[in-house]
Full PDB file with SEQRES, HELIX, SHEET, SSBOND, CRYST1, ORIGX, SCALE, CONECT and MASTER records, all heavy atoms in Angstrom:
SEQRES   1 A   33  SER SER ILE ILE SER ARG VAL SER GLY VAL LYS PHE ALA          
SEQRES   2 A   33  LYS GLU GLN SER LEU ASP ASP MET GLU ARG THR TRP GLY          
SEQRES   3 A   33  GLY LEU VAL ASP GLN VAL ALA                                  
HELIX    1 AA1 LEU A   18  TRP A   25  1                                   8    
SHEET    1 AA1 2 ARG A   6  VAL A   7  0                                        
SHEET    2 AA1 2 GLN A  31  VAL A  32  1                                        
CRYST1    1.000    1.000    1.000  90.00  90.00  90.00 P 1           1          
ORIGX1      1.000000  0.000000  0.000000        0.00000                         
ORIGX2      0.000000  1.000000  0.000000        0.00000                         
ORIGX3      0.000000  0.000000  1.000000        0.00000                         
SCALE1      1.000000  0.000000  0.000000        0.00000                         
SCALE2      0.000000  1.000000  0.000000        0.00000                         
SCALE3      0.000000  0.000000  1.000000        0.00000                         
ATOM      1  N   SER A   1      17.511  25.697  30.918  1.00  0.00           N  
ATOM      2  CA  SER A   1      17.470  27.078  30.814  1.00  0.00           C  
ATOM      3  C   SER A   1      16.277  27.812  31.688  1.00  0.00           C  
ATOM      4  O   SER A   1      15.231  27.219  31.644  1.00  0.00           O  
ATOM      5  CB  SER A   1      17.225  27.551  29.332  1.00  0.00           C  
ATOM      6  OG  SER A   1      17.033  28.969  29.237  1.00  0.00           O  
ATOM      7  N   SER A   2      16.509  28.828  32.320  1.00  0.00           N  
ATOM      8  CA  SER A   2      15.801  29.597  33.095  1.00  0.00           C  
ATOM      9  C   SER A   2      15.100  30.711  32.400  1.00  0.00           C  
ATOM     10  O   SER A   2      14.362  31.432  32.921  1.00  0.00           O  
ATOM     11  CB  SER A   2      16.243  30.000  34.448  1.00  0.00           C  
ATOM     12  OG  SER A   2      17.391  31.026  34.130  1.00  0.00           O  
ATOM     13  N   ILE A   3      15.243  30.870  31.122  1.00  0.00           N  
ATOM     14  CA  ILE A   3      14.849  32.036  30.390  1.00  0.00           C  
ATOM     15  C   ILE A   3      13.343  31.978  30.362  1.00  0.00           C  
ATOM     16  O   ILE A   3      12.632  30.914  30.260  1.00  0.00           O  
ATOM     17  CB  ILE A   3      15.382  31.972  28.851  1.00  0.00           C  
ATOM     18  CG1 ILE A   3      15.102  33.401  28.158  1.00  0.00           C  
ATOM     19  CG2 ILE A   3      14.684  30.822  28.131  1.00  0.00           C  
ATOM     20  CD1 ILE A   3      15.791  33.517  26.746  1.00  0.00           C  
ATOM     21  N   ILE A   4      12.708  33.230  30.489  1.00  0.00           N  
ATOM     22  CA  ILE A   4      11.302  33.402  30.371  1.00  0.00           C  
ATOM     23  C   ILE A   4      10.928  33.922  28.900  1.00  0.00           C  
ATOM     24  O   ILE A   4      11.486  34.798  28.499  1.00  0.00           O  
ATOM     25  CB  ILE A   4      10.749  34.429  31.376  1.00  0.00           C  
ATOM     26  CG1 ILE A   4      10.887  33.843  32.810  1.00  0.00           C  
ATOM     27  CG2 ILE A   4       9.236  34.750  31.105  1.00  0.00           C  
ATOM     28  CD1 ILE A   4      10.630  34.976  33.818  1.00  0.00           C  
ATOM     29  N   SER A   5      10.116  33.114  28.267  1.00  0.00           N  
ATOM     30  CA  SER A   5       9.676  33.480  26.917  1.00  0.00           C  
ATOM     31  C   SER A   5       8.333  34.174  26.975  1.00  0.00           C  
ATOM     32  O   SER A   5       7.421  33.637  27.713  1.00  0.00           O  
ATOM     33  CB  SER A   5       9.727  32.303  25.916  1.00  0.00           C  
ATOM     34  OG  SER A   5       8.845  31.287  26.422  1.00  0.00           O  
ATOM     35  N   ARG A   6       8.095  35.327  26.295  1.00  0.00           N  
ATOM     36  CA  ARG A   6       6.825  36.041  26.363  1.00  0.00           C  
ATOM     37  C   ARG A   6       6.490  36.544  24.944  1.00  0.00           C  
ATOM     38  O   ARG A   6       7.325  37.124  24.319  1.00  0.00           O  
ATOM     39  CB  ARG A   6       7.011  37.230  27.311  1.00  0.00           C  
ATOM     40  CG  ARG A   6       5.726  38.074  27.518  1.00  0.00           C  
ATOM     41  CD  ARG A   6       6.002  39.324  28.319  1.00  0.00           C  
ATOM     42  NE  ARG A   6       6.672  39.006  29.513  1.00  0.00           N  
ATOM     43  CZ  ARG A   6       7.580  39.800  30.058  1.00  0.00           C  
ATOM     44  NH1 ARG A   6       7.968  40.940  29.607  1.00  0.00           N  
ATOM     45  NH2 ARG A   6       8.105  39.456  31.314  1.00  0.00           N  
ATOM     46  N   VAL A   7       5.230  36.391  24.620  1.00  0.00           N  
ATOM     47  CA  VAL A   7       4.718  37.117  23.455  1.00  0.00           C  
ATOM     48  C   VAL A   7       4.046  38.176  24.151  1.00  0.00           C  
ATOM     49  O   VAL A   7       3.047  38.251  24.972  1.00  0.00           O  
ATOM     50  CB  VAL A   7       3.665  36.210  22.699  1.00  0.00           C  
ATOM     51  CG1 VAL A   7       2.819  37.120  21.826  1.00  0.00           C  
ATOM     52  CG2 VAL A   7       4.409  35.179  21.893  1.00  0.00           C  
ATOM     53  N   SER A   8       4.357  39.514  23.537  1.00  0.00           N  
ATOM     54  CA  SER A   8       3.783  40.639  24.095  1.00  0.00           C  
ATOM     55  C   SER A   8       3.323  41.593  22.973  1.00  0.00           C  
ATOM     56  O   SER A   8       4.056  41.789  21.939  1.00  0.00           O  
ATOM     57  CB  SER A   8       4.841  41.537  24.866  1.00  0.00           C  
ATOM     58  OG  SER A   8       4.369  42.668  25.398  1.00  0.00           O  
ATOM     59  N   GLY A   9       2.130  42.106  23.012  1.00  0.00           N  
ATOM     60  CA  GLY A   9       1.620  42.816  21.916  1.00  0.00           C  
ATOM     61  C   GLY A   9       1.121  44.244  22.515  1.00  0.00           C  
ATOM     62  O   GLY A   9       0.952  44.468  23.663  1.00  0.00           O  
ATOM     63  N   VAL A  10       0.940  45.196  21.660  1.00  0.00           N  
ATOM     64  CA  VAL A  10       0.282  46.525  21.886  1.00  0.00           C  
ATOM     65  C   VAL A  10      -1.142  46.449  21.722  1.00  0.00           C  
ATOM     66  O   VAL A  10      -1.665  46.107  20.691  1.00  0.00           O  
ATOM     67  CB  VAL A  10       1.049  47.564  21.044  1.00  0.00           C  
ATOM     68  CG1 VAL A  10       0.344  48.924  21.314  1.00  0.00           C  
ATOM     69  CG2 VAL A  10       2.367  47.649  21.222  1.00  0.00           C  
ATOM     70  N   LYS A  11      -1.855  46.709  22.746  1.00  0.00           N  
ATOM     71  CA  LYS A  11      -3.444  46.754  22.712  1.00  0.00           C  
ATOM     72  C   LYS A  11      -3.862  47.959  21.950  1.00  0.00           C  
ATOM     73  O   LYS A  11      -4.032  49.115  22.467  1.00  0.00           O  
ATOM     74  CB  LYS A  11      -3.953  46.653  24.112  1.00  0.00           C  
ATOM     75  CG  LYS A  11      -5.531  46.444  24.177  1.00  0.00           C  
ATOM     76  CD  LYS A  11      -5.857  44.963  23.625  1.00  0.00           C  
ATOM     77  CE  LYS A  11      -7.274  44.612  23.840  1.00  0.00           C  
ATOM     78  NZ  LYS A  11      -8.210  45.431  22.901  1.00  0.00           N  
ATOM     79  N   PHE A  12      -3.998  47.840  20.678  1.00  0.00           N  
ATOM     80  CA  PHE A  12      -4.247  48.907  19.697  1.00  0.00           C  
ATOM     81  C   PHE A  12      -5.552  48.825  19.235  1.00  0.00           C  
ATOM     82  O   PHE A  12      -6.260  50.011  18.999  1.00  0.00           O  
ATOM     83  CB  PHE A  12      -3.209  48.778  18.627  1.00  0.00           C  
ATOM     84  CG  PHE A  12      -3.289  49.824  17.507  1.00  0.00           C  
ATOM     85  CD1 PHE A  12      -2.774  51.081  17.812  1.00  0.00           C  
ATOM     86  CD2 PHE A  12      -3.906  49.535  16.294  1.00  0.00           C  
ATOM     87  CE1 PHE A  12      -2.912  52.067  16.867  1.00  0.00           C  
ATOM     88  CE2 PHE A  12      -3.913  50.586  15.299  1.00  0.00           C  
ATOM     89  CZ  PHE A  12      -3.528  51.794  15.529  1.00  0.00           C  
ATOM     90  N   ALA A  13      -6.291  47.768  19.035  1.00  0.00           N  
ATOM     91  CA  ALA A  13      -7.588  47.644  18.412  1.00  0.00           C  
ATOM     92  C   ALA A  13      -8.529  46.817  19.180  1.00  0.00           C  
ATOM     93  O   ALA A  13      -8.162  45.924  19.828  1.00  0.00           O  
ATOM     94  CB  ALA A  13      -7.477  47.157  16.935  1.00  0.00           C  
ATOM     95  N   LYS A  14      -9.874  47.068  19.069  1.00  0.00           N  
ATOM     96  CA  LYS A  14     -10.799  46.416  19.844  1.00  0.00           C  
ATOM     97  C   LYS A  14     -10.861  44.964  19.454  1.00  0.00           C  
ATOM     98  O   LYS A  14     -11.344  44.061  20.214  1.00  0.00           O  
ATOM     99  CB  LYS A  14     -12.144  47.065  19.714  1.00  0.00           C  
ATOM    100  CG  LYS A  14     -12.626  47.052  18.291  1.00  0.00           C  
ATOM    101  CD  LYS A  14     -14.047  47.800  18.097  1.00  0.00           C  
ATOM    102  CE  LYS A  14     -14.568  47.730  16.668  1.00  0.00           C  
ATOM    103  NZ  LYS A  14     -15.953  48.445  16.647  1.00  0.00           N  
ATOM    104  N   GLU A  15     -10.341  44.558  18.330  1.00  0.00           N  
ATOM    105  CA  GLU A  15     -10.536  43.190  17.797  1.00  0.00           C  
ATOM    106  C   GLU A  15      -9.402  42.337  18.555  1.00  0.00           C  
ATOM    107  O   GLU A  15      -9.604  41.140  18.537  1.00  0.00           O  
ATOM    108  CB  GLU A  15     -10.244  43.118  16.258  1.00  0.00           C  
ATOM    109  CG  GLU A  15     -11.234  43.812  15.350  1.00  0.00           C  
ATOM    110  CD  GLU A  15     -11.000  45.256  15.258  1.00  0.00           C  
ATOM    111  OE1 GLU A  15     -10.095  45.800  15.827  1.00  0.00           O  
ATOM    112  OE2 GLU A  15     -11.863  45.922  14.452  1.00  0.00           O  
ATOM    113  N   GLN A  16      -8.494  42.931  19.171  1.00  0.00           N  
ATOM    114  CA  GLN A  16      -7.425  42.159  19.842  1.00  0.00           C  
ATOM    115  C   GLN A  16      -7.996  41.520  21.147  1.00  0.00           C  
ATOM    116  O   GLN A  16      -8.714  42.217  21.892  1.00  0.00           O  
ATOM    117  CB  GLN A  16      -6.286  43.075  20.124  1.00  0.00           C  
ATOM    118  CG  GLN A  16      -5.449  43.508  18.946  1.00  0.00           C  
ATOM    119  CD  GLN A  16      -4.483  44.613  19.309  1.00  0.00           C  
ATOM    120  OE1 GLN A  16      -4.865  45.751  19.440  1.00  0.00           O  
ATOM    121  NE2 GLN A  16      -3.179  44.182  19.488  1.00  0.00           N  
ATOM    122  N   SER A  17      -7.715  40.271  21.342  1.00  0.00           N  
ATOM    123  CA  SER A  17      -8.238  39.623  22.507  1.00  0.00           C  
ATOM    124  C   SER A  17      -7.089  38.743  23.207  1.00  0.00           C  
ATOM    125  O   SER A  17      -6.364  38.084  22.619  1.00  0.00           O  
ATOM    126  CB  SER A  17      -9.262  38.667  22.155  1.00  0.00           C  
ATOM    127  OG  SER A  17      -9.464  37.705  23.046  1.00  0.00           O  
ATOM    128  N   LEU A  18      -6.901  39.030  24.490  1.00  0.00           N  
ATOM    129  CA  LEU A  18      -5.952  38.300  25.293  1.00  0.00           C  
ATOM    130  C   LEU A  18      -6.210  36.867  25.292  1.00  0.00           C  
ATOM    131  O   LEU A  18      -5.306  36.079  25.185  1.00  0.00           O  
ATOM    132  CB  LEU A  18      -5.842  38.876  26.630  1.00  0.00           C  
ATOM    133  CG  LEU A  18      -4.722  38.294  27.576  1.00  0.00           C  
ATOM    134  CD1 LEU A  18      -3.222  38.506  26.939  1.00  0.00           C  
ATOM    135  CD2 LEU A  18      -4.659  38.847  28.974  1.00  0.00           C  
ATOM    136  N   ASP A  19      -7.399  36.469  25.300  1.00  0.00           N  
ATOM    137  CA  ASP A  19      -7.841  35.033  25.309  1.00  0.00           C  
ATOM    138  C   ASP A  19      -7.428  34.373  24.074  1.00  0.00           C  
ATOM    139  O   ASP A  19      -6.972  33.244  23.960  1.00  0.00           O  
ATOM    140  CB  ASP A  19      -9.330  34.881  25.559  1.00  0.00           C  
ATOM    141  CG  ASP A  19      -9.808  35.168  26.996  1.00  0.00           C  
ATOM    142  OD1 ASP A  19      -8.895  35.119  27.863  1.00  0.00           O  
ATOM    143  OD2 ASP A  19     -10.992  35.541  27.214  1.00  0.00           O  
ATOM    144  N   ASP A  20      -7.692  35.036  22.940  1.00  0.00           N  
ATOM    145  CA  ASP A  20      -7.273  34.567  21.547  1.00  0.00           C  
ATOM    146  C   ASP A  20      -5.729  34.333  21.520  1.00  0.00           C  
ATOM    147  O   ASP A  20      -5.242  33.511  20.969  1.00  0.00           O  
ATOM    148  CB  ASP A  20      -7.837  35.517  20.435  1.00  0.00           C  
ATOM    149  CG  ASP A  20      -9.288  35.429  20.272  1.00  0.00           C  
ATOM    150  OD1 ASP A  20      -9.834  34.549  20.680  1.00  0.00           O  
ATOM    151  OD2 ASP A  20      -9.753  36.370  19.610  1.00  0.00           O  
ATOM    152  N   MET A  21      -5.091  35.452  22.038  1.00  0.00           N  
ATOM    153  CA  MET A  21      -3.611  35.359  22.038  1.00  0.00           C  
ATOM    154  C   MET A  21      -3.102  34.170  22.840  1.00  0.00           C  
ATOM    155  O   MET A  21      -2.217  33.444  22.404  1.00  0.00           O  
ATOM    156  CB  MET A  21      -3.099  36.652  22.696  1.00  0.00           C  
ATOM    157  CG  MET A  21      -3.252  37.904  21.876  1.00  0.00           C  
ATOM    158  SD  MET A  21      -2.155  38.057  20.451  1.00  0.00           S  
ATOM    159  CE  MET A  21      -0.647  38.487  21.177  1.00  0.00           C  
ATOM    160  N   GLU A  22      -3.804  33.970  23.980  1.00  0.00           N  
ATOM    161  CA  GLU A  22      -3.305  32.779  24.781  1.00  0.00           C  
ATOM    162  C   GLU A  22      -3.591  31.392  24.158  1.00  0.00           C  
ATOM    163  O   GLU A  22      -2.784  30.481  24.264  1.00  0.00           O  
ATOM    164  CB  GLU A  22      -3.918  32.884  26.173  1.00  0.00           C  
ATOM    165  CG  GLU A  22      -3.421  34.093  26.962  1.00  0.00           C  
ATOM    166  CD  GLU A  22      -4.033  34.102  28.334  1.00  0.00           C  
ATOM    167  OE1 GLU A  22      -5.225  33.705  28.538  1.00  0.00           O  
ATOM    168  OE2 GLU A  22      -3.328  34.498  29.310  1.00  0.00           O  
ATOM    169  N   ARG A  23      -4.738  31.381  23.463  1.00  0.00           N  
ATOM    170  CA  ARG A  23      -4.969  30.112  22.671  1.00  0.00           C  
ATOM    171  C   ARG A  23      -3.989  29.932  21.593  1.00  0.00           C  
ATOM    172  O   ARG A  23      -3.593  28.704  21.415  1.00  0.00           O  
ATOM    173  CB  ARG A  23      -6.362  30.168  22.134  1.00  0.00           C  
ATOM    174  CG  ARG A  23      -7.576  29.835  23.091  1.00  0.00           C  
ATOM    175  CD  ARG A  23      -8.841  29.697  22.473  1.00  0.00           C  
ATOM    176  NE  ARG A  23      -9.357  30.953  21.881  1.00  0.00           N  
ATOM    177  CZ  ARG A  23     -10.087  31.810  22.565  1.00  0.00           C  
ATOM    178  NH1 ARG A  23     -10.503  31.365  23.859  1.00  0.00           N  
ATOM    179  NH2 ARG A  23     -10.605  32.850  22.021  1.00  0.00           N  
ATOM    180  N   THR A  24      -3.518  30.909  20.854  1.00  0.00           N  
ATOM    181  CA  THR A  24      -2.625  30.703  19.855  1.00  0.00           C  
ATOM    182  C   THR A  24      -1.198  30.630  20.258  1.00  0.00           C  
ATOM    183  O   THR A  24      -0.414  29.669  19.750  1.00  0.00           O  
ATOM    184  CB  THR A  24      -2.731  31.847  18.788  1.00  0.00           C  
ATOM    185  OG1 THR A  24      -4.072  31.878  18.287  1.00  0.00           O  
ATOM    186  CG2 THR A  24      -1.720  31.786  17.758  1.00  0.00           C  
ATOM    187  N   TRP A  25      -0.781  31.455  21.196  1.00  0.00           N  
ATOM    188  CA  TRP A  25       0.581  31.499  21.546  1.00  0.00           C  
ATOM    189  C   TRP A  25       0.978  30.785  22.806  1.00  0.00           C  
ATOM    190  O   TRP A  25       2.115  30.531  23.165  1.00  0.00           O  
ATOM    191  CB  TRP A  25       0.943  33.063  21.816  1.00  0.00           C  
ATOM    192  CG  TRP A  25       0.950  33.899  20.496  1.00  0.00           C  
ATOM    193  CD1 TRP A  25      -0.094  34.665  20.268  1.00  0.00           C  
ATOM    194  CD2 TRP A  25       1.819  33.859  19.430  1.00  0.00           C  
ATOM    195  NE1 TRP A  25       0.098  35.314  18.997  1.00  0.00           N  
ATOM    196  CE2 TRP A  25       1.353  34.787  18.504  1.00  0.00           C  
ATOM    197  CE3 TRP A  25       3.129  33.260  19.256  1.00  0.00           C  
ATOM    198  CZ2 TRP A  25       2.056  35.105  17.353  1.00  0.00           C  
ATOM    199  CZ3 TRP A  25       3.677  33.575  18.008  1.00  0.00           C  
ATOM    200  CH2 TRP A  25       3.147  34.428  17.010  1.00  0.00           C  
ATOM    201  N   GLY A  26      -0.066  30.478  23.708  1.00  0.00           N  
ATOM    202  CA  GLY A  26       0.246  29.964  25.030  1.00  0.00           C  
ATOM    203  C   GLY A  26       1.006  28.736  25.078  1.00  0.00           C  
ATOM    204  O   GLY A  26       1.790  28.460  26.048  1.00  0.00           O  
ATOM    205  N   GLY A  27       0.793  27.795  24.044  1.00  0.00           N  
ATOM    206  CA  GLY A  27       1.615  26.612  24.012  1.00  0.00           C  
ATOM    207  C   GLY A  27       3.053  26.778  23.602  1.00  0.00           C  
ATOM    208  O   GLY A  27       3.778  25.773  23.752  1.00  0.00           O  
ATOM    209  N   LEU A  28       3.365  27.883  23.070  1.00  0.00           N  
ATOM    210  CA  LEU A  28       4.743  28.180  22.569  1.00  0.00           C  
ATOM    211  C   LEU A  28       5.575  28.938  23.550  1.00  0.00           C  
ATOM    212  O   LEU A  28       6.869  28.964  23.316  1.00  0.00           O  
ATOM    213  CB  LEU A  28       4.663  28.881  21.273  1.00  0.00           C  
ATOM    214  CG  LEU A  28       3.836  28.131  20.189  1.00  0.00           C  
ATOM    215  CD1 LEU A  28       3.842  29.060  18.803  1.00  0.00           C  
ATOM    216  CD2 LEU A  28       4.472  26.836  19.788  1.00  0.00           C  
ATOM    217  N   VAL A  29       4.941  29.739  24.428  1.00  0.00           N  
ATOM    218  CA  VAL A  29       5.834  30.579  25.359  1.00  0.00           C  
ATOM    219  C   VAL A  29       5.265  30.447  26.690  1.00  0.00           C  
ATOM    220  O   VAL A  29       4.203  29.894  26.993  1.00  0.00           O  
ATOM    221  CB  VAL A  29       5.669  32.034  24.876  1.00  0.00           C  
ATOM    222  CG1 VAL A  29       6.292  32.265  23.456  1.00  0.00           C  
ATOM    223  CG2 VAL A  29       4.177  32.543  24.830  1.00  0.00           C  
ATOM    224  N   ASP A  30       6.126  31.085  27.626  1.00  0.00           N  
ATOM    225  CA  ASP A  30       5.754  30.959  29.087  1.00  0.00           C  
ATOM    226  C   ASP A  30       4.669  32.008  29.400  1.00  0.00           C  
ATOM    227  O   ASP A  30       3.794  31.769  30.327  1.00  0.00           O  
ATOM    228  CB  ASP A  30       6.985  31.158  29.948  1.00  0.00           C  
ATOM    229  CG  ASP A  30       8.070  30.290  29.665  1.00  0.00           C  
ATOM    230  OD1 ASP A  30       7.789  29.016  29.580  1.00  0.00           O  
ATOM    231  OD2 ASP A  30       9.268  30.639  29.514  1.00  0.00           O  
ATOM    232  N   GLN A  31       4.622  33.141  28.696  1.00  0.00           N  
ATOM    233  CA  GLN A  31       3.728  34.215  29.084  1.00  0.00           C  
ATOM    234  C   GLN A  31       3.215  34.902  27.877  1.00  0.00           C  
ATOM    235  O   GLN A  31       3.881  34.924  26.858  1.00  0.00           O  
ATOM    236  CB  GLN A  31       4.451  35.314  29.968  1.00  0.00           C  
ATOM    237  CG  GLN A  31       5.182  34.797  31.179  1.00  0.00           C  
ATOM    238  CD  GLN A  31       6.063  35.844  31.884  1.00  0.00           C  
ATOM    239  OE1 GLN A  31       6.216  36.973  31.387  1.00  0.00           O  
ATOM    240  NE2 GLN A  31       6.545  35.548  33.047  1.00  0.00           N  
ATOM    241  N   VAL A  32       1.941  35.353  27.998  1.00  0.00           N  
ATOM    242  CA  VAL A  32       1.314  36.160  26.841  1.00  0.00           C  
ATOM    243  C   VAL A  32       0.815  37.483  27.527  1.00  0.00           C  
ATOM    244  O   VAL A  32       0.220  37.476  28.583  1.00  0.00           O  
ATOM    245  CB  VAL A  32       0.155  35.439  26.258  1.00  0.00           C  
ATOM    246  CG1 VAL A  32      -0.520  36.267  25.225  1.00  0.00           C  
ATOM    247  CG2 VAL A  32       0.697  34.147  25.628  1.00  0.00           C  
ATOM    248  N   ALA A  33       1.075  38.649  26.928  1.00  0.00           N  
ATOM    249  CA  ALA A  33       0.749  39.870  27.506  1.00  0.00           C  
ATOM    250  C   ALA A  33       0.371  40.878  26.505  1.00  0.00           C  
ATOM    251  O   ALA A  33       0.808  40.759  25.296  1.00  0.00           O  
ATOM    252  CB  ALA A  33       1.948  40.398  28.437  1.00  0.00           C  
TER     253      ALA A  33                                                      
MASTER        0    0    0    1    2    0    0    6  252    1    0    3          
END                                                                             
């Protein structure tokens, strides 16, 4: 399958971190954003 899987969030609060997101979700999807 050539499907691209992505976890995408709304940057709403200062506590949100792209690095944290990538550590948690990066192994499950192709992209984190």
